[in-house]
Amino acid sequence: MPKTAPAPVDVIASAVAAATGDNRWNSLDMNLVTGGKSNLTYFLESAAGTLVLRRPPTGDLLPSAHDMLREARVQSALAASDVPVPRIVLVDSGDLLGVPCYVMERVAGHVVRDHLPVGWADDAESRRAVAFGFVDTLADLHAVDHEAVGLGDYGRPSGFATRQVRRWTGQWEASRSQDVPEIDLLAQRLAESVPVQQRSTLVHGDYRLDNVVLDASTPGTINAVLDWELSTLGDPMTDVALLDLFWNGPADRPLSLIPGVSHLPGFPSREEMLQRYSARSGAALDDLDWYRAFAHFKFAVITQGVSARSRAGDMAGQDFGDLDAEVLHLGRTGLALL
């Protein structure tokens, strides 16, 4: 399949102007938001303001990956819920870019990756507020009545973990560029020891701090949850385990793709975050080891996919370096957890 370049700006401009009823969008600038490691995100800027366009990476896509229409659907469904999401402006199934994409509002606030904004959340109280607002929002997401918001058919909760292991094993086989016996063994052991699922909820699939918009005035407020590509109905413990993986402490080895800020002084520990989730959700977190191991496996496969797309030139010129050592480390750590 040939690589697909972003659509001409005037085509996008015309579509946005028609969707908003605002002719000021007929003249806009389109700029890549760097740092995205899966789908491509662009700011659309005009005299009318700023919107955000999301599209898949260029090049060949793995099966079931980069589904923009699902991202748009779940955010539209959650608009009336307690989970903050951006308003969807335009959804296109492929006419504009040759691949599905959507346009949403740009929500004001901070997206925090590897550092905190100067003068923002610079004391322990504010940093704890950021952390607890973040984990509370995950608990609120898991409390959403997915039937009531129109997402009753958004996934198949029964057998979720088994299918997830099978899916990510397939993604590994499709994107691997080297033999990593640790990943192969981890996939096998996960498949042989799937736990009994205790709850079925809407899950985000990639819940981490740089996938939310934090309020600039009130650090503990989450203005929006972003990046719903991997969302579905399933086992919420998979989200909790990913939060556990990404919430690095001062003594943890940093993840090169997700550097984060949770290791900085004043942020609560991983254990405090889990206790906060348990208290808000009412869920028991007695045995997370399988889920932690699965989180390492899933993120190893995601890391390998980022590496493959970067090497193939499908990330709009972004280069994330050699990630082979990270994949190996994730595999070994996952095995140790089991």
Protein backbone atom coordinates (compact mmCIF):
# COMPACT_ATOMS: atom_id res chain seq x y z
CA MET A 1 0.00 0.00 0.00
CA PRO A 2 1.54 3.37 -0.94
CA LYS A 3 2.29 5.93 1.71
CA THR A 4 -0.42 8.55 2.15
CA ALA A 5 0.62 12.17 2.53
CA PRO A 6 -1.48 14.61 4.55
CA ALA A 7 -4.23 16.23 2.52
CA PRO A 8 -3.67 19.69 1.01
CA VAL A 9 -4.38 22.35 3.58
CA ASP A 10 -7.06 23.98 1.43
CA VAL A 11 -9.06 20.74 1.32
CA ILE A 12 -9.02 20.48 5.10
CA ALA A 13 -9.76 24.19 5.45
CA SER A 14 -12.85 23.93 3.29
CA ALA A 15 -14.14 20.92 5.23
CA VAL A 16 -13.62 22.58 8.61
CA ALA A 17 -15.27 25.79 7.43
CA ALA A 18 -18.29 23.82 6.27
CA ALA A 19 -18.47 21.81 9.53
CA THR A 20 -18.25 24.89 11.75
CA GLY A 21 -20.19 27.31 9.58
CA ASP A 22 -17.30 29.75 10.02
CA ASN A 23 -15.62 30.96 6.82
CA ARG A 24 -12.54 32.09 8.72
CA TRP A 25 -11.45 28.45 8.63
CA ASN A 26 -11.05 28.72 4.84
CA SER A 27 -7.59 30.13 5.57
CA LEU A 28 -5.60 28.10 8.09
CA ASP A 29 -2.14 26.88 8.98
CA MET A 30 -1.55 23.18 9.67
CA ASN A 31 1.36 22.27 11.97
CA LEU A 32 2.47 18.87 13.25
CA VAL A 33 2.47 18.42 17.03
CA THR A 34 5.77 16.63 17.63
CA GLY A 35 6.18 13.93 20.25
CA GLY A 36 3.24 11.74 19.21
CA LYS A 37 4.36 8.13 18.86
CA SER A 38 1.36 6.48 17.24
CA ASN A 39 -1.15 8.62 15.36
CA LEU A 40 -0.25 12.02 13.94
CA THR A 41 -1.69 15.17 15.50
CA TYR A 42 -1.83 18.60 13.85
CA PHE A 43 -2.85 22.01 15.09
CA LEU A 44 -5.18 23.82 12.67
CA GLU A 45 -4.83 27.55 13.30
CA SER A 46 -6.85 30.39 11.83
CA ALA A 47 -8.40 33.69 12.79
CA ALA A 48 -11.23 31.63 14.30
CA GLY A 49 -8.90 29.92 16.79
CA THR A 50 -7.18 26.55 17.01
CA LEU A 51 -8.53 23.07 16.36
CA VAL A 52 -6.79 19.67 16.40
CA LEU A 53 -6.70 17.12 13.58
CA ARG A 54 -5.92 13.45 14.29
CA ARG A 55 -4.96 10.95 11.59
CA PRO A 56 -3.10 7.61 11.37
CA PRO A 57 0.62 7.52 10.56
CA THR A 58 1.59 7.21 6.92
CA GLY A 59 2.62 3.87 5.44
CA ASP A 60 1.23 0.38 6.01
CA LEU A 61 -0.89 0.01 9.14
CA LEU A 62 -1.16 -3.00 11.43
CA PRO A 63 -4.59 -4.69 11.48
CA SER A 64 -7.13 -2.99 13.81
CA ALA A 65 -4.60 -0.28 14.77
CA HIS A 66 -4.99 3.52 14.47
CA ASP A 67 -8.80 3.51 14.29
CA MET A 68 -9.69 7.19 14.17
CA LEU A 69 -13.42 6.58 13.90
CA ARG A 70 -13.44 4.74 17.24
CA GLU A 71 -11.54 7.64 18.84
CA ALA A 72 -14.14 10.09 17.61
CA ARG A 73 -17.06 7.86 18.60
CA VAL A 74 -16.01 7.33 22.21
CA GLN A 75 -15.30 11.02 22.77
CA SER A 76 -18.69 11.96 21.34
CA ALA A 77 -20.39 9.42 23.60
CA LEU A 78 -18.60 10.69 26.71
CA ALA A 79 -19.46 14.34 26.07
CA ALA A 80 -22.33 14.25 28.59
CA SER A 81 -20.48 12.12 31.18
CA ASP A 82 -18.24 13.03 34.12
CA VAL A 83 -15.18 12.23 32.01
CA PRO A 84 -13.88 15.42 30.32
CA VAL A 85 -13.25 15.05 26.59
CA PRO A 86 -12.74 17.46 23.68
CA ARG A 87 -15.74 18.33 21.52
CA ILE A 88 -15.68 16.60 18.13
CA VAL A 89 -16.03 19.05 15.22
CA LEU A 90 -15.64 16.86 12.14
CA VAL A 91 -15.33 13.14 11.41
CA ASP A 92 -14.21 11.90 7.98
CA SER A 93 -14.06 8.26 6.89
CA GLY A 94 -11.37 8.81 4.28
CA ASP A 95 -12.48 11.34 1.68
CA LEU A 96 -10.17 14.13 2.88
CA LEU A 97 -6.90 12.32 3.50
CA GLY A 98 -7.42 8.89 1.99
CA VAL A 99 -7.55 7.54 5.58
CA PRO A 100 -10.06 8.21 8.38
CA CYS A 101 -9.44 11.32 10.47
CA TYR A 102 -11.27 13.68 12.75
CA VAL A 103 -11.07 17.25 13.99
CA MET A 104 -11.75 18.25 17.59
CA GLU A 105 -11.56 21.37 19.70
CA ARG A 106 -8.27 22.28 21.31
CA VAL A 107 -8.81 22.21 25.07
CA ALA A 108 -6.91 24.85 27.02
CA GLY A 109 -4.39 23.72 29.62
CA HIS A 110 -1.06 21.95 30.00
CA VAL A 111 -0.01 18.65 28.44
CA VAL A 112 2.87 17.52 30.64
CA ARG A 113 5.50 15.18 29.22
CA ASP A 114 9.05 15.34 30.58
CA HIS A 115 8.92 18.60 32.55
CA LEU A 116 6.48 20.84 34.39
CA PRO A 117 5.66 24.34 33.11
CA VAL A 118 7.69 27.02 34.86
CA GLY A 119 5.90 28.21 37.99
CA TRP A 120 3.11 25.61 37.72
CA ALA A 121 2.63 22.84 40.31
CA ASP A 122 5.97 23.68 41.87
CA ASP A 123 5.08 22.61 45.43
CA ALA A 124 4.22 19.24 46.97
CA GLU A 125 0.56 20.10 47.59
CA SER A 126 -0.03 21.03 43.94
CA ARG A 127 1.81 17.96 42.69
CA ARG A 128 -0.28 15.67 44.84
CA ALA A 129 -3.39 17.41 43.52
CA VAL A 130 -2.25 16.77 39.94
CA ALA A 131 -1.62 13.10 40.67
CA PHE A 132 -4.85 12.48 42.54
CA GLY A 133 -6.95 14.38 40.00
CA PHE A 134 -5.37 12.20 37.34
CA VAL A 135 -6.08 8.89 39.07
CA ASP A 136 -9.57 9.99 40.17
CA THR A 137 -10.45 10.64 36.54
CA LEU A 138 -9.46 7.06 35.67
CA ALA A 139 -11.74 5.75 38.42
CA ASP A 140 -14.54 7.97 37.10
CA LEU A 141 -14.00 6.62 33.59
CA HIS A 142 -14.36 3.07 34.89
CA ALA A 143 -17.60 4.08 36.62
CA VAL A 144 -19.27 5.30 33.40
CA ASP A 145 -22.44 3.39 32.47
CA HIS A 146 -21.35 2.48 28.93
CA GLU A 147 -24.82 1.26 28.01
CA ALA A 148 -26.36 4.57 29.00
CA VAL A 149 -23.92 6.64 26.91
CA GLY A 150 -24.44 4.49 23.80
CA LEU A 151 -21.32 2.35 24.00
CA GLY A 152 -22.94 -0.97 24.83
CA ASP A 153 -21.57 -2.46 21.62
CA TYR A 154 -18.14 -0.81 21.85
CA GLY A 155 -16.37 -4.06 22.69
CA ARG A 156 -16.76 -7.60 24.04
CA PRO A 157 -15.88 -7.60 27.74
CA SER A 158 -16.11 -11.38 28.12
CA GLY A 159 -12.74 -12.99 27.47
CA PHE A 160 -11.13 -9.58 27.15
CA ALA A 161 -7.72 -10.39 28.64
CA THR A 162 -7.33 -13.57 26.57
CA ARG A 163 -8.08 -11.66 23.37
CA GLN A 164 -5.74 -8.85 24.41
CA VAL A 165 -2.83 -11.24 24.80
CA ARG A 166 -3.67 -12.78 21.44
CA ARG A 167 -4.02 -9.36 19.78
CA TRP A 168 -0.75 -7.95 21.08
CA THR A 169 1.06 -11.17 20.27
CA GLY A 170 -0.16 -10.74 16.70
CA GLN A 171 1.00 -7.12 16.69
CA TRP A 172 4.39 -8.26 17.94
CA GLU A 173 4.72 -10.78 15.13
CA ALA A 174 3.72 -8.13 12.58
CA SER A 175 6.17 -5.47 13.75
CA ARG A 176 9.15 -7.36 15.20
CA SER A 177 12.51 -6.54 13.65
CA GLN A 178 14.61 -8.88 15.78
CA ASP A 179 14.27 -12.07 17.82
CA VAL A 180 13.53 -11.33 21.47
CA PRO A 181 12.96 -14.69 23.21
CA GLU A 182 11.91 -12.87 26.39
CA ILE A 183 8.94 -11.31 24.62
CA ASP A 184 7.95 -14.62 23.04
CA LEU A 185 8.12 -16.38 26.42
CA LEU A 186 6.23 -13.56 28.13
CA ALA A 187 3.42 -13.83 25.59
CA GLN A 188 3.24 -17.58 26.13
CA ARG A 189 3.18 -17.34 29.92
CA LEU A 190 0.56 -14.60 29.90
CA ALA A 191 -1.69 -16.69 27.66
CA GLU A 192 -1.34 -19.64 30.04
CA SER A 193 -2.25 -17.73 33.20
CA VAL A 194 -5.06 -15.28 32.41
CA PRO A 195 -6.88 -14.33 35.65
CA VAL A 196 -10.64 -14.33 36.15
CA GLN A 197 -12.06 -10.92 35.23
CA GLN A 198 -13.78 -9.23 38.16
CA ARG A 199 -15.38 -6.21 36.42
CA SER A 200 -16.25 -5.03 32.93
CA THR A 201 -16.02 -1.31 32.15
CA LEU A 202 -14.99 1.15 29.50
CA VAL A 203 -11.18 1.13 29.40
CA HIS A 204 -8.91 3.79 27.93
CA GLY A 205 -6.04 1.52 26.95
CA ASP A 206 -3.23 4.10 27.18
CA TYR A 207 -3.92 6.12 30.31
CA ARG A 208 -0.89 8.20 31.23
CA LEU A 209 -0.24 11.77 32.31
CA ASP A 210 0.68 13.13 28.88
CA ASN A 211 -2.68 11.92 27.54
CA VAL A 212 -4.65 14.39 29.63
CA VAL A 213 -4.94 18.19 29.59
CA LEU A 214 -4.24 19.70 33.02
CA ASP A 215 -5.86 22.96 34.06
CA ALA A 216 -3.42 25.88 34.04
CA SER A 217 -5.00 27.57 37.07
CA THR A 218 -6.06 24.58 39.17
CA PRO A 219 -3.44 21.82 38.88
CA GLY A 220 -5.73 19.11 40.28
CA THR A 221 -8.35 19.61 37.56
CA ILE A 222 -8.32 17.49 34.39
CA ASN A 223 -9.75 19.48 31.47
CA ALA A 224 -9.73 16.64 28.95
CA VAL A 225 -8.67 13.03 28.43
CA LEU A 226 -7.01 12.48 25.05
CA ASP A 227 -5.83 9.64 22.77
CA TRP A 228 -8.66 7.10 22.82
CA GLU A 229 -7.23 4.90 20.06
CA LEU A 230 -7.00 1.78 22.24
CA SER A 231 -10.26 2.27 24.15
CA THR A 232 -12.81 -0.53 24.35
CA LEU A 233 -14.96 -2.45 26.83
CA GLY A 234 -12.95 -4.77 29.01
CA ASP A 235 -11.07 -5.31 32.25
CA PRO A 236 -10.28 -2.01 34.03
CA MET A 237 -7.30 -3.61 35.78
CA THR A 238 -5.42 -3.35 32.48
CA ASP A 239 -5.71 0.45 32.75
CA VAL A 240 -4.63 0.40 36.39
CA ALA A 241 -1.57 -1.70 35.55
CA LEU A 242 -0.56 0.67 32.76
CA LEU A 243 -0.84 3.60 35.17
CA ASP A 244 1.35 1.57 37.53
CA LEU A 245 3.94 1.05 34.76
CA PHE A 246 4.04 4.67 33.64
CA TRP A 247 4.07 6.18 37.17
CA ASN A 248 7.82 5.94 37.69
CA GLY A 249 9.43 6.76 41.02
CA PRO A 250 12.88 8.25 41.68
CA ALA A 251 14.55 4.82 41.79
CA ASP A 252 12.90 3.40 38.64
CA ARG A 253 14.51 3.07 35.25
CA PRO A 254 12.88 5.76 33.06
CA LEU A 255 10.94 4.75 29.95
CA SER A 256 12.54 6.47 26.96
CA LEU A 257 9.20 6.97 25.19
CA ILE A 258 7.33 8.04 28.35
CA PRO A 259 9.80 10.03 30.47
CA GLY A 260 7.15 11.58 32.74
CA VAL A 261 7.46 13.76 35.84
CA SER A 262 6.18 11.46 38.60
CA HIS A 263 9.73 10.87 39.81
CA LEU A 264 10.06 14.54 40.83
CA PRO A 265 9.88 15.52 44.52
CA GLY A 266 6.36 16.01 45.86
CA PHE A 267 4.55 13.52 43.64
CA PRO A 268 2.92 10.59 45.48
CA SER A 269 4.36 7.12 45.14
CA ARG A 270 3.01 4.38 42.91
CA GLU A 271 1.53 2.69 46.01
CA GLU A 272 -0.32 5.86 47.02
CA MET A 273 -1.75 6.16 43.51
CA LEU A 274 -3.07 2.60 43.65
CA GLN A 275 -4.57 3.18 47.09
CA ARG A 276 -6.27 6.33 45.83
CA TYR A 277 -7.76 4.44 42.86
CA SER A 278 -8.97 1.63 45.11
CA ALA A 279 -10.60 4.06 47.54
CA ARG A 280 -12.44 5.97 44.80
CA SER A 281 -13.48 2.95 42.71
CA GLY A 282 -14.11 0.44 45.50
CA ALA A 283 -12.00 -2.09 43.59
CA ALA A 284 -9.69 -4.50 45.39
CA LEU A 285 -6.13 -4.46 44.06
CA ASP A 286 -4.79 -7.48 45.89
CA ASP A 287 -3.10 -9.19 42.95
CA LEU A 288 -1.94 -7.02 40.08
CA ASP A 289 1.12 -9.02 39.02
CA TRP A 290 -0.44 -10.61 35.92
CA TYR A 291 -1.79 -7.24 34.85
CA ARG A 292 1.57 -5.58 35.50
CA ALA A 293 3.29 -8.22 33.40
CA PHE A 294 0.73 -7.72 30.63
CA ALA A 295 1.30 -3.95 30.77
CA HIS A 296 5.03 -4.53 30.21
CA PHE A 297 4.28 -6.87 27.30
CA LYS A 298 1.79 -4.49 25.69
CA PHE A 299 4.11 -1.52 26.02
CA ALA A 300 7.02 -3.54 24.62
CA VAL A 301 4.93 -4.25 21.52
CA ILE A 302 3.90 -0.59 21.27
CA THR A 303 7.56 0.43 21.60
CA GLN A 304 8.52 -2.00 18.84
CA GLY A 305 5.78 -0.55 16.64
CA VAL A 306 7.04 3.00 17.22
CA SER A 307 10.55 1.84 16.33
CA ALA A 308 9.38 0.16 13.14
CA ARG A 309 7.33 3.16 12.00
CA SER A 310 10.15 5.56 12.80
CA ARG A 311 12.67 3.51 10.82
CA ALA A 312 10.26 3.32 7.89
CA GLY A 313 9.83 7.11 7.87
CA ASP A 314 6.13 6.93 8.71
CA MET A 315 6.19 9.36 11.65
CA ALA A 316 6.35 12.64 9.71
CA GLY A 317 10.13 12.84 10.10
CA GLN A 318 10.22 12.11 13.85
CA ASP A 319 13.07 9.83 14.98
CA PHE A 320 12.82 8.08 18.35
CA GLY A 321 16.23 6.41 18.25
CA ASP A 322 17.20 2.80 18.93
CA LEU A 323 14.51 1.22 21.12
CA ASP A 324 15.72 -2.40 21.03
CA ALA A 325 17.16 -2.27 24.56
CA GLU A 326 13.88 -0.91 25.90
CA VAL A 327 11.91 -3.76 24.34
CA LEU A 328 14.28 -6.30 25.89
CA HIS A 329 14.10 -4.64 29.33
CA LEU A 330 10.29 -4.63 29.26
CA GLY A 331 10.23 -8.31 28.35
CA ARG A 332 12.60 -9.28 31.13
CA THR A 333 10.74 -7.21 33.73
CA GLY A 334 7.41 -8.69 32.66
CA LEU A 335 8.76 -12.19 33.09
CA ALA A 336 10.10 -11.32 36.55
CA LEU A 337 6.64 -10.11 37.59
CA LEU A 338 5.18 -13.49 36.65
